[in-house]
N, C-alpha and C. Protein backbone atom coordinates (compact mmCIF):
# COMPACT_ATOMS: atom_id res chain seq x y z
N UNK A 1 96.74 76.30 101.00
CA UNK A 1 98.09 76.69 101.31
C UNK A 1 98.14 78.15 101.73
N UNK A 2 99.11 78.86 101.19
CA UNK A 2 99.33 80.25 101.54
C UNK A 2 98.16 81.14 101.13
N UNK A 3 97.57 80.85 99.96
CA UNK A 3 96.46 81.68 99.49
C UNK A 3 95.25 81.56 100.41
N UNK A 4 94.95 80.35 100.86
CA UNK A 4 93.80 80.19 101.74
C UNK A 4 94.06 80.85 103.10
N UNK A 5 95.30 80.81 103.58
CA UNK A 5 95.64 81.48 104.85
C UNK A 5 95.48 82.99 104.69
N UNK A 6 95.89 83.52 103.54
CA UNK A 6 95.74 84.95 103.25
C UNK A 6 94.26 85.34 103.23
N UNK A 7 93.45 84.55 102.56
CA UNK A 7 92.01 84.85 102.48
C UNK A 7 91.36 84.75 103.86
N UNK A 8 91.81 83.82 104.67
CA UNK A 8 91.27 83.69 106.03
C UNK A 8 91.63 84.92 106.86
N UNK A 9 92.85 85.43 106.71
CA UNK A 9 93.25 86.65 107.43
C UNK A 9 92.38 87.83 107.03
N UNK A 10 92.10 87.96 105.74
CA UNK A 10 91.24 89.04 105.26
C UNK A 10 89.83 88.90 105.83
N UNK A 11 89.32 87.69 105.87
CA UNK A 11 88.00 87.44 106.44
C UNK A 11 87.97 87.80 107.92
N UNK A 12 89.01 87.43 108.64
CA UNK A 12 89.08 87.75 110.07
C UNK A 12 89.19 89.26 110.28
N UNK A 13 89.93 89.95 109.42
CA UNK A 13 90.04 91.41 109.51
C UNK A 13 88.67 92.06 109.30
N UNK A 14 87.96 91.62 108.28
CA UNK A 14 86.63 92.17 108.01
C UNK A 14 85.69 91.91 109.19
N UNK A 15 85.77 90.73 109.77
CA UNK A 15 84.94 90.38 110.92
C UNK A 15 85.30 91.25 112.13
N UNK A 16 86.58 91.44 112.37
CA UNK A 16 87.03 92.28 113.48
C UNK A 16 86.54 93.71 113.31
N UNK A 17 86.66 94.23 112.09
CA UNK A 17 86.18 95.59 111.81
C UNK A 17 84.69 95.71 112.11
N UNK A 18 83.92 94.74 111.66
CA UNK A 18 82.47 94.75 111.90
C UNK A 18 82.17 94.69 113.40
N UNK A 19 82.88 93.84 114.12
CA UNK A 19 82.66 93.69 115.57
C UNK A 19 83.02 94.96 116.34
N UNK A 20 83.94 95.75 115.79
CA UNK A 20 84.40 96.96 116.47
C UNK A 20 83.82 98.23 115.86
N UNK A 21 82.70 98.07 115.16
CA UNK A 21 81.99 99.19 114.54
C UNK A 21 82.87 100.02 113.60
N UNK A 22 83.71 99.33 112.87
CA UNK A 22 84.54 99.97 111.84
C UNK A 22 84.08 99.48 110.49
N UNK A 23 84.18 100.34 109.51
CA UNK A 23 83.76 99.95 108.16
C UNK A 23 84.97 99.84 107.26
N UNK A 24 85.13 98.69 106.68
CA UNK A 24 86.20 98.47 105.70
C UNK A 24 85.66 98.92 104.34
N UNK A 25 86.25 99.92 103.75
CA UNK A 25 85.78 100.42 102.46
C UNK A 25 86.39 99.58 101.35
N UNK A 26 85.68 98.57 100.92
CA UNK A 26 86.19 97.65 99.92
C UNK A 26 86.40 98.33 98.56
N UNK A 27 85.67 99.39 98.30
CA UNK A 27 85.81 100.10 97.02
C UNK A 27 87.18 100.78 96.94
N UNK A 28 87.70 101.25 98.08
CA UNK A 28 89.00 101.92 98.10
C UNK A 28 90.16 100.96 98.37
N UNK A 29 89.84 99.70 98.57
CA UNK A 29 90.86 98.70 98.90
C UNK A 29 91.40 98.09 97.62
N UNK A 30 92.72 97.86 97.60
CA UNK A 30 93.35 97.18 96.46
C UNK A 30 94.14 95.98 96.97
N UNK A 31 94.38 95.06 96.07
CA UNK A 31 95.10 93.83 96.38
C UNK A 31 96.37 93.83 95.56
N UNK A 32 97.51 93.73 96.23
CA UNK A 32 98.81 93.68 95.55
C UNK A 32 99.49 92.39 95.98
N UNK A 33 99.78 91.53 95.03
CA UNK A 33 100.43 90.26 95.32
C UNK A 33 101.91 90.38 94.95
N UNK A 34 102.77 90.11 95.92
CA UNK A 34 104.21 90.09 95.69
C UNK A 34 104.60 88.62 95.60
N UNK A 35 104.99 88.19 94.42
CA UNK A 35 105.32 86.78 94.19
C UNK A 35 106.48 86.73 93.21
N UNK A 36 107.62 86.26 93.66
CA UNK A 36 108.82 86.24 92.83
C UNK A 36 109.03 84.93 92.07
N UNK A 37 108.04 84.05 92.08
CA UNK A 37 108.18 82.82 91.30
C UNK A 37 108.14 83.14 89.81
N UNK A 38 108.79 82.31 89.02
CA UNK A 38 108.83 82.54 87.57
C UNK A 38 107.43 82.52 86.96
N UNK A 39 106.62 81.59 87.37
CA UNK A 39 105.24 81.50 86.88
C UNK A 39 104.29 81.40 88.07
N UNK A 40 103.86 82.55 88.58
CA UNK A 40 102.93 82.51 89.70
C UNK A 40 101.60 81.88 89.27
N UNK A 41 100.98 81.14 90.18
CA UNK A 41 99.70 80.51 89.83
C UNK A 41 98.60 81.57 89.68
N UNK A 42 97.61 81.28 88.85
CA UNK A 42 96.48 82.21 88.74
C UNK A 42 95.69 82.24 90.05
N UNK A 43 95.26 83.40 90.44
CA UNK A 43 94.54 83.56 91.70
C UNK A 43 93.11 84.02 91.44
N UNK A 44 92.20 83.53 92.24
CA UNK A 44 90.83 84.01 92.14
C UNK A 44 90.75 85.37 92.82
N UNK A 45 89.90 86.24 92.32
CA UNK A 45 89.80 87.58 92.90
C UNK A 45 89.40 87.54 94.37
N UNK A 46 89.96 88.45 95.13
CA UNK A 46 89.66 88.58 96.55
C UNK A 46 88.36 89.35 96.73
N UNK A 47 87.54 88.94 97.67
CA UNK A 47 86.30 89.66 97.96
C UNK A 47 86.23 89.99 99.45
N UNK A 48 85.68 91.15 99.73
CA UNK A 48 85.41 91.56 101.11
C UNK A 48 83.96 92.03 101.14
N UNK A 49 83.19 91.42 102.01
CA UNK A 49 81.76 91.76 102.13
C UNK A 49 81.05 91.76 100.78
N UNK A 50 81.29 90.72 100.01
CA UNK A 50 80.68 90.53 98.68
C UNK A 50 81.09 91.57 97.66
N UNK A 51 82.19 92.29 97.91
CA UNK A 51 82.72 93.25 96.94
C UNK A 51 84.06 92.73 96.45
N UNK A 52 84.21 92.64 95.13
CA UNK A 52 85.47 92.17 94.56
C UNK A 52 86.52 93.27 94.68
N UNK A 53 87.69 92.90 95.19
CA UNK A 53 88.78 93.84 95.39
C UNK A 53 89.63 93.90 94.12
N UNK A 54 89.95 95.11 93.70
CA UNK A 54 90.76 95.32 92.50
C UNK A 54 92.19 94.86 92.76
N UNK A 55 92.72 94.06 91.86
CA UNK A 55 94.11 93.62 91.95
C UNK A 55 94.96 94.60 91.14
N UNK A 56 96.06 95.09 91.73
CA UNK A 56 96.91 96.08 91.08
C UNK A 56 98.36 95.63 91.06
N UNK A 57 99.17 96.26 90.21
CA UNK A 57 100.61 95.96 90.18
C UNK A 57 101.39 96.98 91.00
N UNK A 58 100.75 98.12 91.33
CA UNK A 58 101.38 99.12 92.20
C UNK A 58 100.30 100.05 92.74
N UNK A 59 100.61 100.71 93.87
CA UNK A 59 99.71 101.71 94.42
C UNK A 59 100.51 102.67 95.28
N UNK A 60 99.93 103.84 95.51
CA UNK A 60 100.59 104.87 96.30
C UNK A 60 100.08 104.81 97.73
N UNK A 61 101.01 104.73 98.69
CA UNK A 61 100.66 104.68 100.10
C UNK A 61 101.55 105.64 100.85
N UNK A 62 100.94 106.67 101.44
CA UNK A 62 101.68 107.69 102.19
C UNK A 62 102.84 108.27 101.38
N UNK A 63 102.57 108.53 100.10
CA UNK A 63 103.57 109.17 99.25
C UNK A 63 104.59 108.24 98.64
N UNK A 64 104.54 106.97 98.97
CA UNK A 64 105.48 105.99 98.43
C UNK A 64 104.74 105.04 97.51
N UNK A 65 105.28 104.83 96.32
CA UNK A 65 104.66 103.92 95.37
C UNK A 65 105.20 102.52 95.65
N UNK A 66 104.30 101.63 96.02
CA UNK A 66 104.67 100.25 96.31
C UNK A 66 104.29 99.42 95.09
N UNK A 67 105.27 98.71 94.54
CA UNK A 67 105.01 97.91 93.34
C UNK A 67 105.23 96.43 93.65
N UNK A 68 104.69 95.58 92.78
CA UNK A 68 104.76 94.14 93.03
C UNK A 68 106.18 93.60 92.99
N UNK A 69 107.10 94.32 92.35
CA UNK A 69 108.49 93.86 92.34
C UNK A 69 109.31 94.48 93.48
N UNK A 70 108.65 95.33 94.30
CA UNK A 70 109.26 95.99 95.46
C UNK A 70 110.49 96.83 95.11
N UNK A 71 110.49 97.39 93.91
CA UNK A 71 111.60 98.27 93.49
C UNK A 71 111.19 99.73 93.70
N UNK A 72 112.20 100.60 93.81
CA UNK A 72 111.99 102.00 94.14
C UNK A 72 111.81 102.90 92.91
N UNK A 73 111.94 102.38 91.72
CA UNK A 73 111.95 103.19 90.50
C UNK A 73 110.78 104.16 90.38
N UNK A 74 109.57 103.71 90.59
CA UNK A 74 108.40 104.57 90.42
C UNK A 74 108.38 105.69 91.46
N UNK A 75 108.77 105.39 92.70
CA UNK A 75 108.82 106.41 93.74
C UNK A 75 109.88 107.45 93.43
N UNK A 76 111.04 106.99 92.98
CA UNK A 76 112.12 107.93 92.62
C UNK A 76 111.70 108.80 91.46
N UNK A 77 111.09 108.22 90.44
CA UNK A 77 110.63 109.00 89.28
C UNK A 77 109.63 110.07 89.70
N UNK A 78 108.72 109.71 90.58
CA UNK A 78 107.72 110.66 91.06
C UNK A 78 108.37 111.81 91.82
N UNK A 79 109.33 111.49 92.67
CA UNK A 79 110.02 112.52 93.46
C UNK A 79 110.85 113.43 92.56
N UNK A 80 111.55 112.83 91.62
CA UNK A 80 112.37 113.62 90.69
C UNK A 80 111.50 114.56 89.87
N UNK A 81 110.30 114.14 89.55
CA UNK A 81 109.37 114.98 88.78
C UNK A 81 108.85 116.14 89.62
N UNK A 82 108.60 115.91 90.93
CA UNK A 82 108.06 116.95 91.80
C UNK A 82 109.07 118.04 92.13
N UNK A 83 110.32 117.66 92.32
CA UNK A 83 111.34 118.62 92.78
C UNK A 83 111.49 119.83 91.86
N UNK A 84 111.68 119.67 90.54
CA UNK A 84 111.83 120.86 89.69
C UNK A 84 110.59 121.75 89.66
N UNK A 85 109.41 121.14 89.76
CA UNK A 85 108.19 121.94 89.78
C UNK A 85 108.18 122.86 90.99
N UNK A 86 108.62 122.35 92.11
CA UNK A 86 108.64 123.14 93.33
C UNK A 86 109.81 124.12 93.35
N UNK A 87 110.91 123.75 92.72
CA UNK A 87 112.06 124.65 92.65
C UNK A 87 111.70 125.92 91.87
N UNK A 88 110.80 125.81 90.93
CA UNK A 88 110.36 126.97 90.16
C UNK A 88 109.81 128.04 91.10
N UNK A 89 109.02 127.63 92.08
CA UNK A 89 108.44 128.60 93.01
C UNK A 89 109.50 129.22 93.91
N UNK A 90 110.51 128.45 94.26
CA UNK A 90 111.62 129.01 95.04
C UNK A 90 112.35 130.06 94.21
N UNK A 91 112.52 129.80 92.93
CA UNK A 91 113.14 130.78 92.02
C UNK A 91 112.31 132.06 91.97
N UNK A 92 111.00 131.93 91.97
CA UNK A 92 110.14 133.10 91.95
C UNK A 92 110.31 133.92 93.23
N UNK A 93 110.45 133.25 94.35
CA UNK A 93 110.69 133.97 95.61
C UNK A 93 112.02 134.72 95.55
N UNK A 94 113.01 134.09 94.98
CA UNK A 94 114.33 134.74 94.84
C UNK A 94 114.23 135.97 93.93
N UNK A 95 113.47 135.85 92.86
CA UNK A 95 113.32 136.96 91.92
C UNK A 95 112.62 138.17 92.54
N UNK A 96 111.84 137.93 93.59
CA UNK A 96 111.11 139.02 94.23
C UNK A 96 111.82 139.53 95.48
N UNK A 97 113.09 139.15 95.64
CA UNK A 97 113.95 139.65 96.71
C UNK A 97 113.33 139.48 98.10
N UNK A 98 112.75 138.34 98.35
CA UNK A 98 112.22 138.06 99.68
C UNK A 98 113.36 137.74 100.64
N UNK A 99 113.13 137.92 101.93
CA UNK A 99 114.18 137.63 102.91
C UNK A 99 114.65 136.17 102.84
N UNK A 100 115.91 135.96 103.18
CA UNK A 100 116.50 134.62 103.16
C UNK A 100 115.72 133.66 104.06
N UNK A 101 115.27 134.14 105.21
CA UNK A 101 114.53 133.29 106.15
C UNK A 101 113.24 132.76 105.50
N UNK A 102 112.59 133.58 104.71
CA UNK A 102 111.35 133.16 104.03
C UNK A 102 111.66 132.08 103.00
N UNK A 103 112.75 132.26 102.27
CA UNK A 103 113.13 131.27 101.25
C UNK A 103 113.53 129.95 101.90
N UNK A 104 114.23 130.01 103.02
CA UNK A 104 114.63 128.79 103.73
C UNK A 104 113.39 128.08 104.27
N UNK A 105 112.46 128.84 104.80
CA UNK A 105 111.23 128.26 105.32
C UNK A 105 110.44 127.58 104.19
N UNK A 106 110.36 128.23 103.03
CA UNK A 106 109.67 127.65 101.87
C UNK A 106 110.36 126.36 101.44
N UNK A 107 111.71 126.40 101.35
CA UNK A 107 112.46 125.22 100.93
C UNK A 107 112.19 124.05 101.89
N UNK A 108 112.27 124.32 103.17
CA UNK A 108 112.08 123.27 104.17
C UNK A 108 110.68 122.67 104.10
N UNK A 109 109.69 123.52 103.97
CA UNK A 109 108.29 123.06 103.99
C UNK A 109 107.87 122.41 102.68
N UNK A 110 108.27 122.98 101.56
CA UNK A 110 107.72 122.55 100.27
C UNK A 110 108.64 121.63 99.48
N UNK A 111 109.93 121.89 99.50
CA UNK A 111 110.84 121.09 98.66
C UNK A 111 111.46 119.94 99.45
N UNK A 112 112.03 120.25 100.59
CA UNK A 112 112.70 119.21 101.38
C UNK A 112 111.72 118.12 101.82
N UNK A 113 110.46 118.48 101.99
CA UNK A 113 109.46 117.50 102.45
C UNK A 113 109.22 116.38 101.44
N UNK A 114 109.54 116.59 100.18
CA UNK A 114 109.34 115.53 99.18
C UNK A 114 110.62 114.79 98.87
N UNK A 115 111.73 115.26 99.37
CA UNK A 115 113.01 114.60 99.07
C UNK A 115 113.32 113.47 100.01
C-alpha cells in the first residue's frame, strides 16, 4: 500500500542520486512519519544503501521545527527563547550610546531575522 510506495520512492531517489554522482548521506537523514490515525500500524525501519534511517518525532529544517503532529508549538517556543537572548545585546548597544542607525541595523540583522 502506501508504505511500499513510499519505500519505492526512497529507492528511486537513492538510485537517481547515484546515477547523477550525488551522495545521499544516510547518517544525516531522518525519517518522520505523519500519521493521524488513532493507532498507526508498526513500520519496519527505512534503509538507504544498507544504512538504517533514524525515525524521529521532530527535526529542525531551515530554522523550523517540523513535528509529526505538524503543530507550531516547538518552533514558537524556540523563537520565543531566542528573542530575549538577542534583545540583551541590543540593550548593551543602547547602554554604550551607539548611533540609532547602528542599533536599527543590529535589530534588523540579529533580532528581526528570527521573528
